[in-house]
């Protein structure tokens, strides 16, 4: 694909879904592929303070790994209600809802829900996240973000 001519044919939701699949299948390379090199991520739990932003693919991947290394069982991200808020050439802003499920040998349980706002750029033949804001409706009942990393409580 050519960045100049084919950006309108590529699926805008690809980075959302490949990112979720990377988390769910413990494939950090899929998570990394969904980001631009200069990705910036921040998040907020309920009405709390905003965490971040964390900028640059390496810094963001470190945060992702700290979260991935805490879970037991199988995670499943359900990303839905994908809405394109704005699209201009090779940039777009997309909003979606998410539910994070866990299957750990017992009944499937909901760990978290919320929404994403992603600013996307078309780079290297695909849409990729340049910015992600995560608004969590609730927090994990077994994890806390302490001193820059996710930790079990």
C-alpha atoms as a PDB file:
ATOM      1  CA  UNK A   1       0.000   0.000   0.000  1.00  0.00           C
ATOM      2  CA  UNK A   2       1.106   3.508  -0.664  1.00  0.00           C
ATOM      3  CA  UNK A   3       0.746   5.980   2.196  1.00  0.00           C
ATOM      4  CA  UNK A   4      -0.281   8.677  -0.266  1.00  0.00           C
ATOM      5  CA  UNK A   5      -3.030   6.860  -2.151  1.00  0.00           C
ATOM      6  CA  UNK A   6      -4.399   3.906  -0.178  1.00  0.00           C
ATOM      7  CA  UNK A   7      -5.074   5.238   3.318  1.00  0.00           C
ATOM      8  CA  UNK A   8      -8.786   5.467   2.545  1.00  0.00           C
ATOM      9  CA  UNK A   9      -8.953   1.706   1.811  1.00  0.00           C
ATOM     10  CA  UNK A  10      -7.316   0.460   5.023  1.00  0.00           C
ATOM     11  CA  UNK A  11      -9.607  -0.424   7.961  1.00  0.00           C
ATOM     12  CA  UNK A  12      -9.560   2.258  10.646  1.00  0.00           C
ATOM     13  CA  UNK A  13     -10.366  -0.260  13.373  1.00  0.00           C
ATOM     14  CA  UNK A  14      -7.330  -2.486  12.658  1.00  0.00           C
ATOM     15  CA  UNK A  15      -5.092  -0.967  15.390  1.00  0.00           C
ATOM     16  CA  UNK A  16      -7.852  -1.297  18.011  1.00  0.00           C
ATOM     17  CA  UNK A  17      -8.378  -4.975  17.299  1.00  0.00           C
ATOM     18  CA  UNK A  18      -4.748  -6.044  16.772  1.00  0.00           C
ATOM     19  CA  UNK A  19      -3.863  -4.268  20.039  1.00  0.00           C
ATOM     20  CA  UNK A  20      -6.579  -6.145  21.956  1.00  0.00           C
ATOM     21  CA  UNK A  21      -5.574  -9.448  20.357  1.00  0.00           C
ATOM     22  CA  UNK A  22      -1.953  -8.811  21.348  1.00  0.00           C
ATOM     23  CA  UNK A  23      -2.986  -8.397  24.988  1.00  0.00           C
ATOM     24  CA  UNK A  24      -5.253 -11.428  24.901  1.00  0.00           C
ATOM     25  CA  UNK A  25      -2.744 -13.757  23.252  1.00  0.00           C
ATOM     26  CA  UNK A  26       0.355 -12.403  25.059  1.00  0.00           C
ATOM     27  CA  UNK A  27       1.859 -11.210  21.772  1.00  0.00           C
ATOM     28  CA  UNK A  28       3.586  -7.952  22.551  1.00  0.00           C
ATOM     29  CA  UNK A  29       4.621  -7.639  18.900  1.00  0.00           C
ATOM     30  CA  UNK A  30       0.944  -7.197  17.962  1.00  0.00           C
ATOM     31  CA  UNK A  31       0.526  -4.507  20.596  1.00  0.00           C
ATOM     32  CA  UNK A  32       3.665  -2.741  19.317  1.00  0.00           C
ATOM     33  CA  UNK A  33       2.456  -2.993  15.699  1.00  0.00           C
ATOM     34  CA  UNK A  34      -0.666  -1.033  16.603  1.00  0.00           C
ATOM     35  CA  UNK A  35       1.411   1.994  17.724  1.00  0.00           C
ATOM     36  CA  UNK A  36       3.310   4.721  15.927  1.00  0.00           C
ATOM     37  CA  UNK A  37       6.890   5.229  17.124  1.00  0.00           C
ATOM     38  CA  UNK A  38       5.818   8.337  19.035  1.00  0.00           C
ATOM     39  CA  UNK A  39       2.648   6.885  20.620  1.00  0.00           C
ATOM     40  CA  UNK A  40       1.342   8.700  23.687  1.00  0.00           C
ATOM     41  CA  UNK A  41      -0.975   6.977  26.183  1.00  0.00           C
ATOM     42  CA  UNK A  42      -2.784   8.238  29.248  1.00  0.00           C
ATOM     43  CA  UNK A  43      -5.679   6.908  31.308  1.00  0.00           C
ATOM     44  CA  UNK A  44      -8.019   7.713  34.143  1.00  0.00           C
ATOM     45  CA  UNK A  45      -9.907   5.455  36.538  1.00  0.00           C
ATOM     46  CA  UNK A  46     -13.451   6.733  37.195  1.00  0.00           C
ATOM     47  CA  UNK A  47     -13.140  10.348  38.359  1.00  0.00           C
ATOM     48  CA  UNK A  48      -9.531  10.007  39.482  1.00  0.00           C
ATOM     49  CA  UNK A  49      -6.430  11.763  38.254  1.00  0.00           C
ATOM     50  CA  UNK A  50      -5.066  11.204  34.769  1.00  0.00           C
ATOM     51  CA  UNK A  51      -2.068   8.850  34.611  1.00  0.00           C
ATOM     52  CA  UNK A  52       0.502   9.788  31.994  1.00  0.00           C
ATOM     53  CA  UNK A  53       0.988  10.637  29.320  1.00  0.00           C
ATOM     54  CA  UNK A  54       3.612   8.032  28.590  1.00  0.00           C
ATOM     55  CA  UNK A  55       5.238   8.740  25.256  1.00  0.00           C
ATOM     56  CA  UNK A  56       7.267   6.736  22.794  1.00  0.00           C
ATOM     57  CA  UNK A  57       6.756   3.121  21.797  1.00  0.00           C
ATOM     58  CA  UNK A  58       9.405   1.743  24.201  1.00  0.00           C
ATOM     59  CA  UNK A  59       8.007   3.569  27.254  1.00  0.00           C
ATOM     60  CA  UNK A  60       4.457   2.520  26.418  1.00  0.00           C
ATOM     61  CA  UNK A  61       5.474  -1.092  25.811  1.00  0.00           C
ATOM     62  CA  UNK A  62       7.136  -1.111  29.268  1.00  0.00           C
ATOM     63  CA  UNK A  63       3.779  -0.088  30.803  1.00  0.00           C
ATOM     64  CA  UNK A  64       1.958  -2.708  28.742  1.00  0.00           C
ATOM     65  CA  UNK A  65       4.374  -5.434  29.836  1.00  0.00           C
ATOM     66  CA  UNK A  66       3.971  -4.470  33.499  1.00  0.00           C
ATOM     67  CA  UNK A  67       0.235  -5.020  33.084  1.00  0.00           C
ATOM     68  CA  UNK A  68       0.506  -8.202  30.997  1.00  0.00           C
ATOM     69  CA  UNK A  69       2.848  -9.756  33.568  1.00  0.00           C
ATOM     70  CA  UNK A  70       0.278  -9.450  36.355  1.00  0.00           C
ATOM     71  CA  UNK A  71      -2.614 -11.462  35.018  1.00  0.00           C
ATOM     72  CA  UNK A  72      -3.447 -15.084  35.464  1.00  0.00           C
ATOM     73  CA  UNK A  73      -5.859 -16.951  33.256  1.00  0.00           C
ATOM     74  CA  UNK A  74      -6.989 -15.740  29.876  1.00  0.00           C
ATOM     75  CA  UNK A  75      -7.969 -12.134  29.139  1.00  0.00           C
ATOM     76  CA  UNK A  76     -10.454 -11.201  26.443  1.00  0.00           C
ATOM     77  CA  UNK A  77     -10.868  -7.613  25.334  1.00  0.00           C
ATOM     78  CA  UNK A  78     -14.208  -6.847  23.741  1.00  0.00           C
ATOM     79  CA  UNK A  79     -13.998  -3.613  21.758  1.00  0.00           C
ATOM     80  CA  UNK A  80     -17.302  -2.331  20.432  1.00  0.00           C
ATOM     81  CA  UNK A  81     -19.293   0.731  19.333  1.00  0.00           C
ATOM     82  CA  UNK A  82     -16.410   2.014  17.196  1.00  0.00           C
ATOM     83  CA  UNK A  83     -17.279   5.532  16.048  1.00  0.00           C
ATOM     84  CA  UNK A  84     -15.166   7.712  13.763  1.00  0.00           C
ATOM     85  CA  UNK A  85     -15.381  11.168  15.327  1.00  0.00           C
ATOM     86  CA  UNK A  86     -13.163  12.896  12.783  1.00  0.00           C
ATOM     87  CA  UNK A  87     -11.227  11.903   9.688  1.00  0.00           C
ATOM     88  CA  UNK A  88      -8.896  14.170   7.752  1.00  0.00           C
ATOM     89  CA  UNK A  89      -6.618  12.636   5.155  1.00  0.00           C
ATOM     90  CA  UNK A  90      -4.160  10.341   6.909  1.00  0.00           C
ATOM     91  CA  UNK A  91      -5.364  11.122  10.449  1.00  0.00           C
ATOM     92  CA  UNK A  92      -8.519  10.116  12.285  1.00  0.00           C
ATOM     93  CA  UNK A  93     -10.022  10.195  15.768  1.00  0.00           C
ATOM     94  CA  UNK A  94     -11.933   7.074  16.810  1.00  0.00           C
ATOM     95  CA  UNK A  95     -13.880   6.381  19.991  1.00  0.00           C
ATOM     96  CA  UNK A  96     -14.946   2.940  21.218  1.00  0.00           C
ATOM     97  CA  UNK A  97     -16.133   1.073  24.299  1.00  0.00           C
ATOM     98  CA  UNK A  98     -14.324  -1.847  25.875  1.00  0.00           C
ATOM     99  CA  UNK A  99     -14.994  -4.627  28.335  1.00  0.00           C
ATOM    100  CA  UNK A 100     -12.126  -6.693  29.728  1.00  0.00           C
ATOM    101  CA  UNK A 101     -13.072 -10.269  30.646  1.00  0.00           C
ATOM    102  CA  UNK A 102     -11.034 -12.914  32.454  1.00  0.00           C
ATOM    103  CA  UNK A 103     -11.384 -16.693  32.326  1.00  0.00           C
ATOM    104  CA  UNK A 104      -9.204 -18.219  35.045  1.00  0.00           C
ATOM    105  CA  UNK A 105     -10.584 -21.724  35.473  1.00  0.00           C
ATOM    106  CA  UNK A 106     -13.936 -20.602  36.848  1.00  0.00           C
ATOM    107  CA  UNK A 107     -16.745 -18.467  35.549  1.00  0.00           C
ATOM    108  CA  UNK A 108     -15.831 -15.674  33.178  1.00  0.00           C
ATOM    109  CA  UNK A 109     -15.815 -12.375  35.032  1.00  0.00           C
ATOM    110  CA  UNK A 110     -15.742  -8.744  34.010  1.00  0.00           C
ATOM    111  CA  UNK A 111     -12.527  -7.107  35.195  1.00  0.00           C
ATOM    112  CA  UNK A 112     -13.053  -3.654  33.785  1.00  0.00           C
ATOM    113  CA  UNK A 113     -15.067  -1.542  31.375  1.00  0.00           C
ATOM    114  CA  UNK A 114     -14.671   1.887  29.853  1.00  0.00           C
ATOM    115  CA  UNK A 115     -13.925   3.664  26.621  1.00  0.00           C
ATOM    116  CA  UNK A 116     -11.001   4.595  24.379  1.00  0.00           C
ATOM    117  CA  UNK A 117     -10.354   7.701  22.332  1.00  0.00           C
ATOM    118  CA  UNK A 118      -7.670   6.973  19.753  1.00  0.00           C
ATOM    119  CA  UNK A 119      -5.964   9.408  17.442  1.00  0.00           C
ATOM    120  CA  UNK A 120      -4.785   7.414  14.464  1.00  0.00           C
ATOM    121  CA  UNK A 121      -2.232   8.048  11.726  1.00  0.00           C
ATOM    122  CA  UNK A 122      -1.776   6.112   8.517  1.00  0.00           C
ATOM    123  CA  UNK A 123       1.866   4.935   8.511  1.00  0.00           C
ATOM    124  CA  UNK A 124       3.701   2.077   6.826  1.00  0.00           C
ATOM    125  CA  UNK A 125       0.597   0.846   5.023  1.00  0.00           C
ATOM    126  CA  UNK A 126      -1.725   0.695   8.053  1.00  0.00           C
ATOM    127  CA  UNK A 127      -3.605   2.856  10.530  1.00  0.00           C
ATOM    128  CA  UNK A 128      -1.739   3.041  13.840  1.00  0.00           C
ATOM    129  CA  UNK A 129      -2.412   4.663  17.204  1.00  0.00           C
ATOM    130  CA  UNK A 130      -0.568   7.942  17.702  1.00  0.00           C
ATOM    131  CA  UNK A 131      -2.461   8.786  20.912  1.00  0.00           C
ATOM    132  CA  UNK A 132      -4.705   6.718  23.176  1.00  0.00           C
ATOM    133  CA  UNK A 133      -6.762   7.911  26.111  1.00  0.00           C
ATOM    134  CA  UNK A 134      -8.356   5.187  28.244  1.00  0.00           C
ATOM    135  CA  UNK A 135     -11.253   6.066  30.515  1.00  0.00           C
ATOM    136  CA  UNK A 136     -11.847   3.186  32.929  1.00  0.00           C
ATOM    137  CA  UNK A 137     -15.285   2.995  34.548  1.00  0.00           C
ATOM    138  CA  UNK A 138     -13.756   1.034  37.408  1.00  0.00           C
ATOM    139  CA  UNK A 139     -10.416  -0.378  38.474  1.00  0.00           C
ATOM    140  CA  UNK A 140      -9.106  -3.881  38.777  1.00  0.00           C
ATOM    141  CA  UNK A 141     -10.036  -5.411  42.116  1.00  0.00           C
ATOM    142  CA  UNK A 142      -6.668  -7.197  42.298  1.00  0.00           C
ATOM    143  CA  UNK A 143      -4.252  -4.655  40.749  1.00  0.00           C
ATOM    144  CA  UNK A 144      -3.083  -1.151  41.534  1.00  0.00           C
ATOM    145  CA  UNK A 145      -0.862   1.215  39.571  1.00  0.00           C
ATOM    146  CA  UNK A 146       1.956   2.034  42.015  1.00  0.00           C
ATOM    147  CA  UNK A 147       5.291   3.734  41.380  1.00  0.00           C
ATOM    148  CA  UNK A 148       4.935   3.550  37.611  1.00  0.00           C
ATOM    149  CA  UNK A 149       3.963  -0.123  37.303  1.00  0.00           C
ATOM    150  CA  UNK A 150       0.968  -2.413  37.746  1.00  0.00           C
ATOM    151  CA  UNK A 151       1.205  -4.518  40.905  1.00  0.00           C
ATOM    152  CA  UNK A 152      -0.947  -7.233  42.474  1.00  0.00           C
ATOM    153  CA  UNK A 153      -2.629  -6.335  45.755  1.00  0.00           C
END
